[in-house]
């Protein structure tokens, strides 16, 4: 199959020339990897994505899952695909080697998996960061790790997380599922969880849920949540399958997209005998969830990027092949020849907008992944403090902004196809359906924006200041390059706008005008997202300008057929397009915040 999933050259540019992932390989945790070996991993993954994942995506969407006799079955194509994933080690990339995993860093995981993300329903069955595996690695006892992790790593066991309840939603503190301690130290779980990703299927021998519940007498709110392991089949000391646990799946959720993914409601302890094992200590659940959630959020940003990338490349391919209309410059000429639609200015605008957003999203997601890696290998406390601050701020921004941007990309991609994109002959309508959930998954984007504003900015917005420092370093490094002088000015203006907006929101808080920041939290997140992406694209342009004007300039004469020169030049043009056409949206959004209009307060509920 033609590669319409990911731009390999752009991916490697970001990994090796922009983020220098080879520094990660030099750390003792990851020194078994090299550029040569990792390139082979990327190539193998892409071939798997093209030849197996992509065909299964269409098949699974059409056939969907089935619920019969209290159990869920998945499309047959997923059984074949999972076997390949398990045998190739793709189901355990993030798990440590001592438990049968591949021991990837976060950036390695993100880049190795991007090509699979067009088929995110399948990928949610395997390798999902927010899972029982993640909880066990970080907080499980040695006995629990030895009992469960190898089976989770080799794909025999599934490990869904069950937190959401009907009356709780994103307010985890409202969880009402109960846990009663038994004389033998185990617990009995009772309650109902909804919208459980991969809550049941015939892909696995066993399911080991991680369930959020309250022990009797626990404090109210989030401080009283504990996490429990709840197996579908109890696991005996010798690893064999024991008796069926007391919980039941009541049916499949009916969804807009993700038809190949089993999302369900599960009832625990209807007969009073649902066995559970405590993870770590009682009332530590929210702390454990908080420590795991950032990787889960990055996974959302990654699948947003993967679907956006596939949408753009499909639209680009179609635009080059679809002949319709004549060139605008020859429109009045009777003998004008019909041209591919990529020749039309409106289509070119959409394609370049998509290209800049996809490449910006990829850089944003990978950069956040690198922050995680740098924190884990950092040698100094001051450096780690800054990296933690950047990760704390940028992870929710990356998640929310990329999910919204991805939907915009799929919309424009469908527009390039015209009416044809609305039909199932092409994958655009599935891409649009499948990516929409990203903006409401693991908390809707409005909730993420409020959390960012109240929990992720740091005292006196120090984390925002870390970002401003980083952008300043980049501008200082590349401001002398003539090729990007005009967009240097554009980025500097945007950075000043971001600083002004942050100061304004801080002043509102100081004056106890809390409703203004709360009302415009999503707008502020959007501003940070637009400018961060602009900064990363500018950095790419700076690197490319140095390549084109450096010591070996003679070998980079920009001529048709000189692919490296064309690539670097395209990075500069892509950054210029973004800075001239998309970056200015930050200014208009900032103006809206500074006006502080609170008409919403004057509208009572009956006026809507």
Protein backbone atom coordinates (compact mmCIF):
# COMPACT_ATOMS: atom_id res chain seq x y z
CA UNK A 1 0.00 0.00 0.00
CA UNK A 2 1.15 3.54 -0.73
CA UNK A 3 2.23 5.34 2.44
CA UNK A 4 -0.62 7.74 3.19
CA UNK A 5 -0.19 7.52 6.96
CA UNK A 6 2.93 9.40 8.02
CA UNK A 7 5.65 11.56 6.49
CA UNK A 8 8.77 9.55 7.37
CA UNK A 9 11.18 12.36 6.47
CA UNK A 10 9.39 14.81 8.72
CA UNK A 11 9.30 12.30 11.55
CA UNK A 12 13.04 11.68 11.36
CA UNK A 13 13.76 15.39 11.03
CA UNK A 14 11.96 16.00 14.33
CA UNK A 15 13.55 13.02 16.08
CA UNK A 16 17.15 13.44 14.97
CA UNK A 17 17.65 17.03 13.83
CA UNK A 18 15.26 18.90 16.12
CA UNK A 19 14.98 16.88 19.35
CA UNK A 20 18.21 14.85 19.10
CA UNK A 21 16.75 11.58 20.39
CA UNK A 22 20.22 10.06 20.14
CA UNK A 23 21.03 11.77 23.45
CA UNK A 24 18.32 9.61 25.00
CA UNK A 25 19.96 6.50 23.52
CA UNK A 26 23.19 7.41 25.33
CA UNK A 27 21.54 7.06 28.73
CA UNK A 28 22.16 3.70 30.41
CA UNK A 29 18.39 2.98 30.46
CA UNK A 30 18.20 3.08 26.68
CA UNK A 31 21.75 2.42 25.47
CA UNK A 32 20.67 -0.85 23.85
CA UNK A 33 19.12 1.36 21.14
CA UNK A 34 20.87 3.33 18.41
CA UNK A 35 19.81 5.40 15.42
CA UNK A 36 20.33 2.40 13.18
CA UNK A 37 18.25 0.04 15.34
CA UNK A 38 15.53 2.59 15.97
CA UNK A 39 15.21 3.40 12.27
CA UNK A 40 14.66 -0.31 11.72
CA UNK A 41 11.93 -0.29 14.38
CA UNK A 42 10.24 2.69 12.73
CA UNK A 43 10.42 1.05 9.31
CA UNK A 44 9.07 -2.27 10.57
CA UNK A 45 6.24 -0.50 12.37
CA UNK A 46 5.29 1.49 9.30
CA UNK A 47 5.18 -1.64 7.14
CA UNK A 48 2.96 -3.30 9.73
CA UNK A 49 0.72 -0.25 9.81
CA UNK A 50 0.39 -0.13 6.02
CA UNK A 51 -0.06 -3.83 5.33
CA UNK A 52 -2.06 -4.97 8.37
CA UNK A 53 -3.40 -2.11 10.50
CA UNK A 54 -4.92 -0.01 7.74
CA UNK A 55 -6.94 -2.83 6.11
CA UNK A 56 -8.15 -3.94 9.55
CA UNK A 57 -9.31 -0.39 10.32
CA UNK A 58 -11.90 -0.39 7.55
CA UNK A 59 -12.98 -3.98 8.16
CA UNK A 60 -13.48 -3.50 11.92
CA UNK A 61 -15.44 -0.28 11.45
CA UNK A 62 -17.90 -2.02 9.14
CA UNK A 63 -18.29 -5.22 11.18
CA UNK A 64 -18.06 -3.75 14.67
CA UNK A 65 -18.16 -5.66 17.96
CA UNK A 66 -20.91 -8.02 19.12
CA UNK A 67 -22.46 -8.66 22.54
CA UNK A 68 -23.89 -12.13 23.08
CA UNK A 69 -24.55 -14.17 26.23
CA UNK A 70 -22.86 -11.64 28.48
CA UNK A 71 -19.61 -11.48 26.49
CA UNK A 72 -18.15 -9.23 23.78
CA UNK A 73 -16.48 -10.44 20.59
CA UNK A 74 -14.45 -8.29 18.23
CA UNK A 75 -14.02 -8.36 14.42
CA UNK A 76 -11.96 -11.33 13.22
CA UNK A 77 -9.38 -9.03 11.58
CA UNK A 78 -8.39 -7.83 15.05
CA UNK A 79 -7.56 -11.37 16.15
CA UNK A 80 -5.11 -11.69 13.29
CA UNK A 81 -3.65 -8.25 13.97
CA UNK A 82 -3.26 -8.82 17.70
CA UNK A 83 -1.36 -12.06 17.09
CA UNK A 84 1.13 -10.13 14.96
CA UNK A 85 1.42 -7.40 17.60
CA UNK A 86 1.99 -9.87 20.42
CA UNK A 87 4.57 -11.91 18.51
CA UNK A 88 6.45 -8.76 17.47
CA UNK A 89 6.53 -7.21 20.93
CA UNK A 90 4.40 -4.25 19.85
CA UNK A 91 1.98 -4.91 22.72
CA UNK A 92 4.52 -4.07 25.42
CA UNK A 93 6.67 -1.18 24.20
CA UNK A 94 6.49 0.85 27.42
CA UNK A 95 6.84 -2.05 29.84
CA UNK A 96 10.25 -2.69 31.46
CA UNK A 97 12.39 -5.50 30.09
CA UNK A 98 12.40 -7.38 33.39
CA UNK A 99 8.66 -7.98 32.96
CA UNK A 100 8.77 -8.96 29.31
CA UNK A 101 8.42 -5.49 27.84
CA UNK A 102 10.53 -3.60 25.30
CA UNK A 103 11.68 -0.84 27.66
CA UNK A 104 10.99 2.11 25.33
CA UNK A 105 11.26 5.69 26.51
CA UNK A 106 8.19 7.91 26.11
CA UNK A 107 9.51 9.64 22.97
CA UNK A 108 10.47 6.30 21.47
CA UNK A 109 6.99 4.94 22.19
CA UNK A 110 5.22 7.96 20.68
CA UNK A 111 7.25 7.97 17.48
CA UNK A 112 7.17 4.19 17.04
CA UNK A 113 3.39 4.11 17.45
CA UNK A 114 2.28 7.14 15.44
CA UNK A 115 1.89 5.11 12.25
CA UNK A 116 -0.63 2.84 14.02
CA UNK A 117 -2.79 5.69 15.28
CA UNK A 118 -5.06 5.88 12.25
CA UNK A 119 -6.51 2.64 13.67
CA UNK A 120 -6.78 3.82 17.27
CA UNK A 121 -9.73 1.49 18.10
CA UNK A 122 -7.39 -1.49 17.76
CA UNK A 123 -4.52 0.19 19.54
CA UNK A 124 -6.73 0.83 22.57
CA UNK A 125 -6.74 -2.92 23.16
CA UNK A 126 -2.99 -3.08 23.43
CA UNK A 127 -0.26 -0.81 24.77
CA UNK A 128 -2.65 1.78 26.19
CA UNK A 129 -0.61 3.90 28.65
CA UNK A 130 -3.40 4.39 31.22
CA UNK A 131 -3.83 0.75 32.16
CA UNK A 132 -3.37 -1.88 34.83
CA UNK A 133 0.19 -2.41 33.57
CA UNK A 134 1.04 1.23 34.28
CA UNK A 135 -0.53 1.07 37.75
CA UNK A 136 1.33 -2.12 38.64
CA UNK A 137 4.73 -0.95 37.42
CA UNK A 138 4.56 2.21 39.48
CA UNK A 139 2.62 1.11 42.56
CA UNK A 140 2.05 -2.66 42.64
CA UNK A 141 3.62 -5.03 45.15
CA UNK A 142 6.29 -7.47 44.01
CA UNK A 143 3.78 -10.30 44.37
CA UNK A 144 1.26 -8.49 42.15
CA UNK A 145 3.90 -7.66 39.56
CA UNK A 146 5.07 -11.27 39.43
CA UNK A 147 1.52 -12.57 39.21
CA UNK A 148 0.21 -10.28 36.48
CA UNK A 149 2.80 -8.23 34.59
CA UNK A 150 4.32 -10.87 32.34
CA UNK A 151 0.86 -11.94 31.20
CA UNK A 152 -0.07 -8.31 30.56
CA UNK A 153 3.18 -7.81 28.66
CA UNK A 154 2.78 -10.81 26.35
CA UNK A 155 -0.81 -9.90 25.51
CA UNK A 156 -2.48 -12.79 27.34
CA UNK A 157 -4.18 -10.48 29.85
CA UNK A 158 -5.94 -7.17 29.26
CA UNK A 159 -5.77 -4.35 31.81
CA UNK A 160 -8.59 -1.79 31.48
CA UNK A 161 -9.09 1.10 33.89
CA UNK A 162 -12.60 1.44 35.37
CA UNK A 163 -13.20 4.85 36.94
CA UNK A 164 -16.18 6.56 35.30
CA UNK A 165 -19.64 6.34 36.84
CA UNK A 166 -22.97 7.68 35.65
CA UNK A 167 -23.31 10.39 38.31
CA UNK A 168 -19.60 11.20 38.53
CA UNK A 169 -18.33 11.75 34.98
CA UNK A 170 -15.13 13.81 35.10
CA UNK A 171 -15.70 14.51 38.81
CA UNK A 172 -13.77 11.52 40.13
CA UNK A 173 -14.38 12.66 43.69
CA UNK A 174 -18.02 11.60 43.30
CA UNK A 175 -17.15 7.91 42.79
CA UNK A 176 -19.51 5.71 44.83
CA UNK A 177 -18.28 2.18 44.08
CA UNK A 178 -17.56 0.50 47.44
CA UNK A 179 -14.80 -1.77 48.70
CA UNK A 180 -15.16 -3.81 51.89
CA UNK A 181 -12.04 -5.31 53.47
CA UNK A 182 -12.08 -9.04 54.26
CA UNK A 183 -10.28 -10.95 57.03
CA UNK A 184 -7.78 -12.35 54.49
CA UNK A 185 -6.77 -8.84 53.39
CA UNK A 186 -8.67 -8.91 50.08
CA UNK A 187 -11.67 -6.69 49.36
CA UNK A 188 -15.17 -7.15 47.99
CA UNK A 189 -16.09 -4.60 45.32
CA UNK A 190 -19.63 -3.42 44.53
CA UNK A 191 -20.76 -0.77 42.06
CA UNK A 192 -21.20 0.04 38.38
CA UNK A 193 -18.67 1.58 35.97
CA UNK A 194 -19.55 2.96 32.54
CA UNK A 195 -17.76 3.65 29.24
CA UNK A 196 -14.91 1.27 30.04
CA UNK A 197 -12.40 1.19 27.19
CA UNK A 198 -11.65 -2.46 26.30
CA UNK A 199 -13.93 -3.62 29.11
CA UNK A 200 -14.34 -7.10 27.65
CA UNK A 201 -13.53 -9.05 24.49
CA UNK A 202 -12.52 -12.43 23.13
CA UNK A 203 -8.99 -11.15 22.36
CA UNK A 204 -7.60 -12.04 25.79
CA UNK A 205 -7.44 -15.05 28.11
CA UNK A 206 -8.23 -12.89 31.13
CA UNK A 207 -9.06 -9.33 32.13
CA UNK A 208 -7.41 -7.60 35.10
CA UNK A 209 -9.36 -4.43 35.82
CA UNK A 210 -8.03 -1.50 37.80
CA UNK A 211 -11.11 -0.20 39.62
CA UNK A 212 -11.50 3.04 41.55
CA UNK A 213 -13.57 2.55 44.72
CA UNK A 214 -14.07 3.77 48.30
CA UNK A 215 -13.20 1.71 51.31
CA UNK A 216 -15.73 1.91 54.12
CA UNK A 217 -15.04 4.98 56.22
CA UNK A 218 -12.82 6.66 53.60
CA UNK A 219 -12.78 10.48 53.41
CA UNK A 220 -15.26 12.16 51.09
CA UNK A 221 -14.10 13.51 47.72
CA UNK A 222 -10.99 12.61 45.77
CA UNK A 223 -8.94 11.96 48.91
CA UNK A 224 -11.00 8.85 49.65
CA UNK A 225 -10.41 6.97 46.39
CA UNK A 226 -8.44 3.71 46.34
CA UNK A 227 -7.42 1.52 43.39
CA UNK A 228 -8.05 -2.23 43.23
CA UNK A 229 -7.10 -5.09 40.92
CA UNK A 230 -10.24 -6.97 39.92
CA UNK A 231 -9.62 -10.02 37.69
CA UNK A 232 -12.27 -11.54 35.45
CA UNK A 233 -10.89 -14.95 36.38
CA UNK A 234 -8.95 -15.24 39.61
CA UNK A 235 -5.30 -16.15 39.05
CA UNK A 236 -3.97 -19.03 41.14
CA UNK A 237 -0.52 -19.03 42.73
CA UNK A 238 0.85 -21.19 39.90
CA UNK A 239 -0.52 -18.73 37.31
CA UNK A 240 -3.41 -20.93 36.21
CA UNK A 241 -6.93 -19.63 35.71
CA UNK A 242 -9.16 -19.79 38.78
CA UNK A 243 -12.86 -19.25 39.30
CA UNK A 244 -14.91 -16.58 37.52
CA UNK A 245 -15.14 -13.38 39.54
CA UNK A 246 -18.47 -11.80 40.46
CA UNK A 247 -18.90 -9.09 37.85
CA UNK A 248 -20.92 -8.87 34.66
CA UNK A 249 -20.78 -6.85 31.45
CA UNK A 250 -24.22 -5.53 30.51
CA UNK A 251 -23.67 -4.59 26.87
CA UNK A 252 -21.80 -2.54 24.29
CA UNK A 253 -21.90 1.25 24.20
CA UNK A 254 -23.25 2.69 20.94
CA UNK A 255 -20.74 5.18 19.66
CA UNK A 256 -20.29 7.67 16.84
CA UNK A 257 -16.97 6.04 15.94
CA UNK A 258 -14.53 3.43 17.24
CA UNK A 259 -16.91 0.65 16.17
CA UNK A 260 -14.16 -1.96 16.45
CA UNK A 261 -13.47 -1.10 20.09
CA UNK A 262 -15.40 -2.72 22.93
CA UNK A 263 -16.58 0.05 25.26
CA UNK A 264 -19.02 -1.17 27.88
CA UNK A 265 -20.71 -0.95 31.28
CA UNK A 266 -19.68 -3.40 33.99
CA UNK A 267 -21.50 -4.27 37.23
CA UNK A 268 -19.27 -5.42 40.07
CA UNK A 269 -20.44 -7.58 42.96
CA UNK A 270 -24.10 -8.09 42.12
CA UNK A 271 -23.91 -11.30 44.16
CA UNK A 272 -21.76 -9.76 46.90
CA UNK A 273 -18.62 -11.67 46.05
CA UNK A 274 -16.47 -9.60 43.66
CA UNK A 275 -12.84 -10.16 44.68
CA UNK A 276 -10.42 -7.22 44.60
CA UNK A 277 -6.80 -6.60 45.60
CA UNK A 278 -5.68 -3.22 46.92
CA UNK A 279 -2.92 -1.50 44.94
CA UNK A 280 -0.45 0.25 47.27
CA UNK A 281 -2.39 1.79 50.19
CA UNK A 282 -5.94 2.89 50.87
CA UNK A 283 -6.96 6.42 49.80
CA UNK A 284 -3.98 6.79 47.42
CA UNK A 285 -6.04 6.39 44.24
CA UNK A 286 -6.07 10.00 43.10
CA UNK A 287 -2.31 10.32 43.57
CA UNK A 288 -1.73 7.21 41.46
CA UNK A 289 -4.14 8.38 38.77
CA UNK A 290 -2.49 11.80 38.66
CA UNK A 291 0.93 10.23 38.16
CA UNK A 292 -0.31 8.12 35.24
CA UNK A 293 -2.67 10.54 33.53
CA UNK A 294 -0.07 12.60 31.65
CA UNK A 295 1.05 9.62 29.57
CA UNK A 296 -2.60 8.88 28.83
CA UNK A 297 -3.14 12.48 27.77
CA UNK A 298 -0.13 12.32 25.47
CA UNK A 299 -1.59 9.20 23.91
CA UNK A 300 -4.71 11.22 23.05
CA UNK A 301 -2.54 13.88 21.43
CA UNK A 302 -0.69 11.14 19.55
CA UNK A 303 -3.77 9.50 18.08
CA UNK A 304 -5.07 12.95 17.17
CA UNK A 305 -1.82 13.53 15.30
CA UNK A 306 -1.87 10.10 13.66
CA UNK A 307 -5.38 10.50 12.29
CA UNK A 308 -4.69 14.09 11.22
CA UNK A 309 -1.55 12.95 9.39
CA UNK A 310 -3.40 10.20 7.55
CA UNK A 311 -6.22 12.60 6.67
CA UNK A 312 -3.81 15.17 5.25
CA UNK A 313 -1.82 12.65 3.19
CA UNK A 314 -5.00 11.07 1.80
CA UNK A 315 -6.31 14.51 0.85
CA UNK A 316 -2.98 15.48 -0.72
CA UNK A 317 -2.93 12.30 -2.78
CA UNK A 318 -6.50 12.89 -3.93
CA UNK A 319 -5.78 16.52 -4.81
CA UNK A 320 -2.90 15.49 -7.04
CA UNK A 321 -4.99 12.87 -8.85
CA UNK A 322 -8.42 14.53 -9.10
CA UNK A 323 -8.65 16.60 -12.29
CA UNK A 324 -11.33 19.26 -12.27
CA UNK A 325 -11.55 22.84 -13.55
CA UNK A 326 -8.85 24.93 -15.17
CA UNK A 327 -6.08 27.08 -13.78
CA UNK A 328 -7.28 30.49 -12.54
CA UNK A 329 -4.58 32.17 -14.63
CA UNK A 330 -6.00 30.56 -17.79
CA UNK A 331 -9.68 30.62 -16.88
CA UNK A 332 -10.61 32.93 -19.76
CA UNK A 333 -8.66 30.96 -22.35
CA UNK A 334 -10.93 28.74 -24.51
CA UNK A 335 -8.23 26.10 -24.90
CA UNK A 336 -7.29 25.95 -21.21
CA UNK A 337 -6.56 22.45 -20.01
CA UNK A 338 -8.21 20.95 -16.97
CA UNK A 339 -5.85 20.64 -14.02
CA UNK A 340 -5.56 18.63 -10.80
CA UNK A 341 -7.40 20.39 -8.01
CA UNK A 342 -4.15 20.98 -6.14
CA UNK A 343 -3.62 23.79 -8.65
CA UNK A 344 -6.59 25.74 -7.25
CA UNK A 345 -5.72 28.41 -4.64
CA UNK A 346 -8.49 27.39 -2.21
CA UNK A 347 -7.35 23.76 -2.22
CA UNK A 348 -3.72 24.79 -1.86
CA UNK A 349 -4.67 26.90 1.16
CA UNK A 350 -6.37 23.95 2.80
CA UNK A 351 -3.47 21.60 2.08
CA UNK A 352 -0.84 23.99 3.40
CA UNK A 353 -2.95 24.69 6.48
CA UNK A 354 -3.23 20.95 7.10
CA UNK A 355 0.48 20.39 6.47
CA UNK A 356 1.53 23.10 8.93
CA UNK A 357 -0.86 21.83 11.60
CA UNK A 358 0.12 18.18 11.23
CA UNK A 359 3.84 18.92 11.33
CA UNK A 360 3.30 21.28 14.26
CA UNK A 361 1.24 18.67 16.12
CA UNK A 362 3.88 16.00 15.57
CA UNK A 363 6.59 18.31 16.90
CA UNK A 364 4.41 19.27 19.89
CA UNK A 365 3.62 15.68 20.88
CA UNK A 366 7.20 14.50 20.42
CA UNK A 367 8.55 17.49 22.37
CA UNK A 368 6.28 16.61 25.30
CA UNK A 369 7.53 13.04 25.05
CA UNK A 370 11.12 14.28 25.18
CA UNK A 371 10.31 16.30 28.32
CA UNK A 372 9.27 13.04 30.01
CA UNK A 373 12.49 11.35 28.93
CA UNK A 374 14.67 14.27 30.01
CA UNK A 375 13.03 14.30 33.44
CA UNK A 376 13.80 10.61 33.91
CA UNK A 377 17.48 11.03 33.00
CA UNK A 378 18.09 14.58 34.29
CA UNK A 379 21.15 15.01 36.50
CA UNK A 380 20.37 18.28 38.33
CA UNK A 381 17.45 19.38 40.49
CA UNK A 382 17.17 22.81 38.85
CA UNK A 383 17.00 21.28 35.40
CA UNK A 384 14.45 18.70 36.53
CA UNK A 385 12.32 21.42 38.16
CA UNK A 386 12.14 23.36 34.91
CA UNK A 387 11.41 20.25 32.85
CA UNK A 388 8.65 19.24 35.28
CA UNK A 389 7.14 22.70 35.01
CA UNK A 390 7.14 22.58 31.21
CA UNK A 391 5.62 19.10 31.20
CA UNK A 392 2.96 20.11 33.71
CA UNK A 393 1.89 23.08 31.59
CA UNK A 394 2.26 21.71 28.09
CA UNK A 395 0.81 18.21 28.42
CA UNK A 396 -2.85 19.28 28.83
CA UNK A 397 -2.35 22.01 26.23
CA UNK A 398 -0.92 19.48 23.78
CA UNK A 399 -3.81 17.09 24.45
CA UNK A 400 -6.64 19.57 24.07
CA UNK A 401 -5.14 21.69 21.31
CA UNK A 402 -4.07 18.74 19.17
CA UNK A 403 -7.46 17.04 19.53
CA UNK A 404 -9.29 20.17 18.38
CA UNK A 405 -6.76 20.81 15.61
CA UNK A 406 -7.02 17.22 14.39
CA UNK A 407 -10.76 17.57 13.93
CA UNK A 408 -10.14 20.76 11.94
CA UNK A 409 -7.67 18.85 9.75
CA UNK A 410 -10.14 16.03 9.07
CA UNK A 411 -12.78 18.64 8.21
CA UNK A 412 -10.48 20.32 5.68
CA UNK A 413 -9.39 16.95 4.30
CA UNK A 414 -13.01 16.02 3.68
CA UNK A 415 -13.50 19.41 2.04
CA UNK A 416 -10.64 18.69 -0.37
CA UNK A 417 -12.47 15.52 -1.42
CA UNK A 418 -15.67 17.50 -1.83
CA UNK A 419 -18.86 15.46 -1.73
CA UNK A 420 -16.86 12.28 -2.36
CA UNK A 421 -15.31 12.56 1.11
CA UNK A 422 -18.71 12.19 2.75
CA UNK A 423 -19.15 8.69 1.38
CA UNK A 424 -17.64 5.45 2.68
CA UNK A 425 -15.70 4.90 -0.55
CA UNK A 426 -12.97 6.93 1.15
CA UNK A 427 -11.79 6.79 4.78
CA UNK A 428 -12.35 10.49 5.50
CA UNK A 429 -15.72 10.06 7.20
CA UNK A 430 -14.25 7.38 9.49
CA UNK A 431 -11.23 9.52 10.32
CA UNK A 432 -13.58 12.34 11.29
CA UNK A 433 -15.77 10.07 13.43
CA UNK A 434 -12.84 8.35 15.10
CA UNK A 435 -10.91 11.52 15.97
CA UNK A 436 -13.83 13.45 17.42
CA UNK A 437 -13.74 11.50 20.68
CA UNK A 438 -10.24 12.88 21.39
CA UNK A 439 -11.66 16.18 22.63
CA UNK A 440 -13.85 14.48 25.24
CA UNK A 441 -11.68 11.48 26.16
CA UNK A 442 -10.02 11.31 29.61
CA UNK A 443 -11.88 14.55 30.42
CA UNK A 444 -13.35 17.01 27.94
CA UNK A 445 -11.18 19.85 26.68
CA UNK A 446 -13.06 22.42 28.75
CA UNK A 447 -12.22 20.45 31.89
CA UNK A 448 -8.58 20.17 30.82
CA UNK A 449 -8.45 23.94 30.31
CA UNK A 450 -9.78 24.62 33.81
CA UNK A 451 -7.31 22.16 35.32
CA UNK A 452 -4.50 23.80 33.38
CA UNK A 453 -5.49 27.20 34.70
CA UNK A 454 -5.88 26.12 38.33
CA UNK A 455 -3.33 23.32 38.72
CA UNK A 456 -0.75 23.36 35.91
CA UNK A 457 0.47 26.95 35.64
CA UNK A 458 2.60 26.86 38.80
CA UNK A 459 2.89 29.54 41.46
CA UNK A 460 2.79 33.02 39.89
CA UNK A 461 2.62 31.22 36.53
CA UNK A 462 6.24 30.10 36.76
CA UNK A 463 5.58 27.25 34.32
CA UNK A 464 4.39 29.74 31.72
CA UNK A 465 7.56 31.72 32.33
CA UNK A 466 9.60 28.57 31.65
CA UNK A 467 7.89 28.35 28.26
CA UNK A 468 8.58 32.03 27.56
CA UNK A 469 12.25 31.45 28.41
CA UNK A 470 12.49 28.53 26.00
CA UNK A 471 10.93 30.47 23.16
CA UNK A 472 13.29 33.37 23.88
CA UNK A 473 16.32 31.08 23.60
CA UNK A 474 15.11 29.84 20.20
CA UNK A 475 14.47 33.36 18.87
CA UNK A 476 17.90 34.49 20.04
CA UNK A 477 19.55 31.55 18.28
CA UNK A 478 17.92 32.05 14.89
CA UNK A 479 17.06 35.75 14.69
CA UNK A 480 20.07 36.54 12.53
CA UNK A 481 19.03 34.24 9.68
CA UNK A 482 17.75 36.25 6.72
CA UNK A 483 15.58 33.40 5.43
CA UNK A 484 13.31 33.57 8.48
CA UNK A 485 13.69 37.20 9.59
CA UNK A 486 10.06 38.05 8.82
CA UNK A 487 8.63 35.20 10.87
CA UNK A 488 11.08 35.94 13.69
CA UNK A 489 9.22 39.22 14.14
CA UNK A 490 5.87 37.41 13.97
CA UNK A 491 6.87 34.98 16.71
CA UNK A 492 8.29 37.71 18.94
CA UNK A 493 4.99 39.58 18.76
CA UNK A 494 3.07 36.42 19.60
CA UNK A 495 5.31 35.73 22.61
CA UNK A 496 4.66 39.24 23.90
CA UNK A 497 0.92 38.65 23.49
CA UNK A 498 1.18 35.42 25.50
CA UNK A 499 3.07 37.18 28.27
CA UNK A 500 0.51 40.02 28.35
CA UNK A 501 -2.39 37.59 28.50
CA UNK A 502 -0.81 35.62 31.32
CA UNK A 503 -0.26 38.85 33.27
CA UNK A 504 -3.89 39.88 32.69
CA UNK A 505 -5.23 36.57 34.00
CA UNK A 506 -2.96 36.80 37.03
CA UNK A 507 -4.24 40.32 37.72
CA UNK A 508 -7.83 39.05 37.54
CA UNK A 509 -7.02 36.46 40.17
CA UNK A 510 -5.31 39.08 42.35
CA UNK A 511 -8.48 41.20 42.16
CA UNK A 512 -10.60 38.12 42.93
CA UNK A 513 -12.29 38.35 39.53
CA UNK A 514 -12.14 34.58 39.21
CA UNK A 515 -15.03 34.25 36.77
CA UNK A 516 -13.12 35.95 33.95
CA UNK A 517 -10.25 33.40 33.84
CA UNK A 518 -12.71 30.54 34.35
CA UNK A 519 -14.91 31.74 31.49
CA UNK A 520 -11.95 32.05 29.12
CA UNK A 521 -9.78 29.12 30.24
CA UNK A 522 -10.34 27.26 26.95
CA UNK A 523 -9.45 30.40 24.98
CA UNK A 524 -6.26 30.83 26.98
CA UNK A 525 -5.32 27.19 26.38
CA UNK A 526 -5.90 27.75 22.66
CA UNK A 527 -3.54 30.74 22.70
CA UNK A 528 -0.80 28.73 24.39
CA UNK A 529 -1.34 25.93 21.87
CA UNK A 530 -1.21 28.20 18.82
CA UNK A 531 1.95 29.94 20.01
CA UNK A 532 3.73 26.79 21.18
CA UNK A 533 3.10 25.18 17.81
CA UNK A 534 4.32 28.35 16.11
CA UNK A 535 7.48 28.29 18.21
CA UNK A 536 8.21 24.66 17.31
CA UNK A 537 7.62 25.27 13.59
CA UNK A 538 9.85 28.35 13.80
CA UNK A 539 12.56 26.22 15.40
CA UNK A 540 12.25 23.77 12.51
CA UNK A 541 12.56 26.65 10.07
CA UNK A 542 15.68 27.86 11.87
CA UNK A 543 17.31 24.44 11.68
CA UNK A 544 16.40 24.21 8.00
CA UNK A 545 17.70 27.70 7.23
CA UNK A 546 21.04 26.78 8.79
CA UNK A 547 21.16 23.64 6.66
CA UNK A 548 20.51 25.66 3.52
CA UNK A 549 22.89 28.53 4.26
CA UNK A 550 25.67 26.73 6.14
CA UNK A 551 29.10 25.55 5.17
CA UNK A 552 27.74 23.12 2.57
CA UNK A 553 25.36 25.54 0.91
CA UNK A 554 26.59 24.61 -2.57
CA UNK A 555 25.23 21.10 -2.16
CA UNK A 556 21.81 22.43 -1.22
CA UNK A 557 20.97 24.40 -4.33
CA UNK A 558 17.19 24.44 -4.43
CA UNK A 559 16.35 22.79 -7.69
CA UNK A 560 13.66 20.35 -8.65
CA UNK A 561 14.88 16.88 -7.83
CA UNK A 562 17.20 17.97 -5.00
CA UNK A 563 14.99 16.36 -2.39
CA UNK A 564 16.92 17.36 0.72
CA UNK A 565 17.02 21.01 -0.32
CA UNK A 566 13.35 20.93 -1.23
CA UNK A 567 12.53 19.38 2.13
CA UNK A 568 14.37 22.05 4.13
CA UNK A 569 12.88 24.79 2.00
CA UNK A 570 9.41 23.34 2.56
CA UNK A 571 9.98 23.49 6.33
CA UNK A 572 10.68 27.23 6.05
CA UNK A 573 7.65 27.82 3.82
CA UNK A 574 5.42 25.75 6.10
CA UNK A 575 6.52 27.76 9.14
CA UNK A 576 5.99 30.99 7.22
CA UNK A 577 2.47 29.96 6.24
CA UNK A 578 1.63 29.11 9.84
CA UNK A 579 3.08 32.35 11.19
CA UNK A 580 1.25 34.48 8.59
CA UNK A 581 -2.10 32.67 8.55
CA UNK A 582 -2.62 30.83 11.84
CA UNK A 583 -0.40 32.46 14.46
CA UNK A 584 -2.35 35.79 14.22
CA UNK A 585 -5.37 33.97 15.68
CA UNK A 586 -3.58 34.15 19.03
CA UNK A 587 -3.82 37.94 18.95
CA UNK A 588 -7.56 38.00 18.29
CA UNK A 589 -8.15 35.38 21.00
CA UNK A 590 -6.05 37.36 23.47
CA UNK A 591 -8.05 40.48 22.67
CA UNK A 592 -11.25 38.62 23.54
CA UNK A 593 -9.81 37.63 26.93
CA UNK A 594 -8.55 41.13 27.72
CA UNK A 595 -11.99 42.60 27.01
CA UNK A 596 -13.28 40.29 29.71
CA UNK A 597 -16.83 40.32 28.42
CA UNK A 598 -19.13 38.59 30.90
CA UNK A 599 -22.40 38.63 28.99
CA UNK A 600 -22.78 35.03 30.12
CA UNK A 601 -23.56 36.34 33.61
CA UNK A 602 -26.45 38.43 32.28
CA UNK A 603 -28.05 35.46 30.54
CA UNK A 604 -30.22 33.49 32.91
CA UNK A 605 -30.94 29.88 32.08
CA UNK A 606 -34.36 30.63 30.65
CA UNK A 607 -32.96 33.06 28.05
CA UNK A 608 -31.12 30.38 26.12
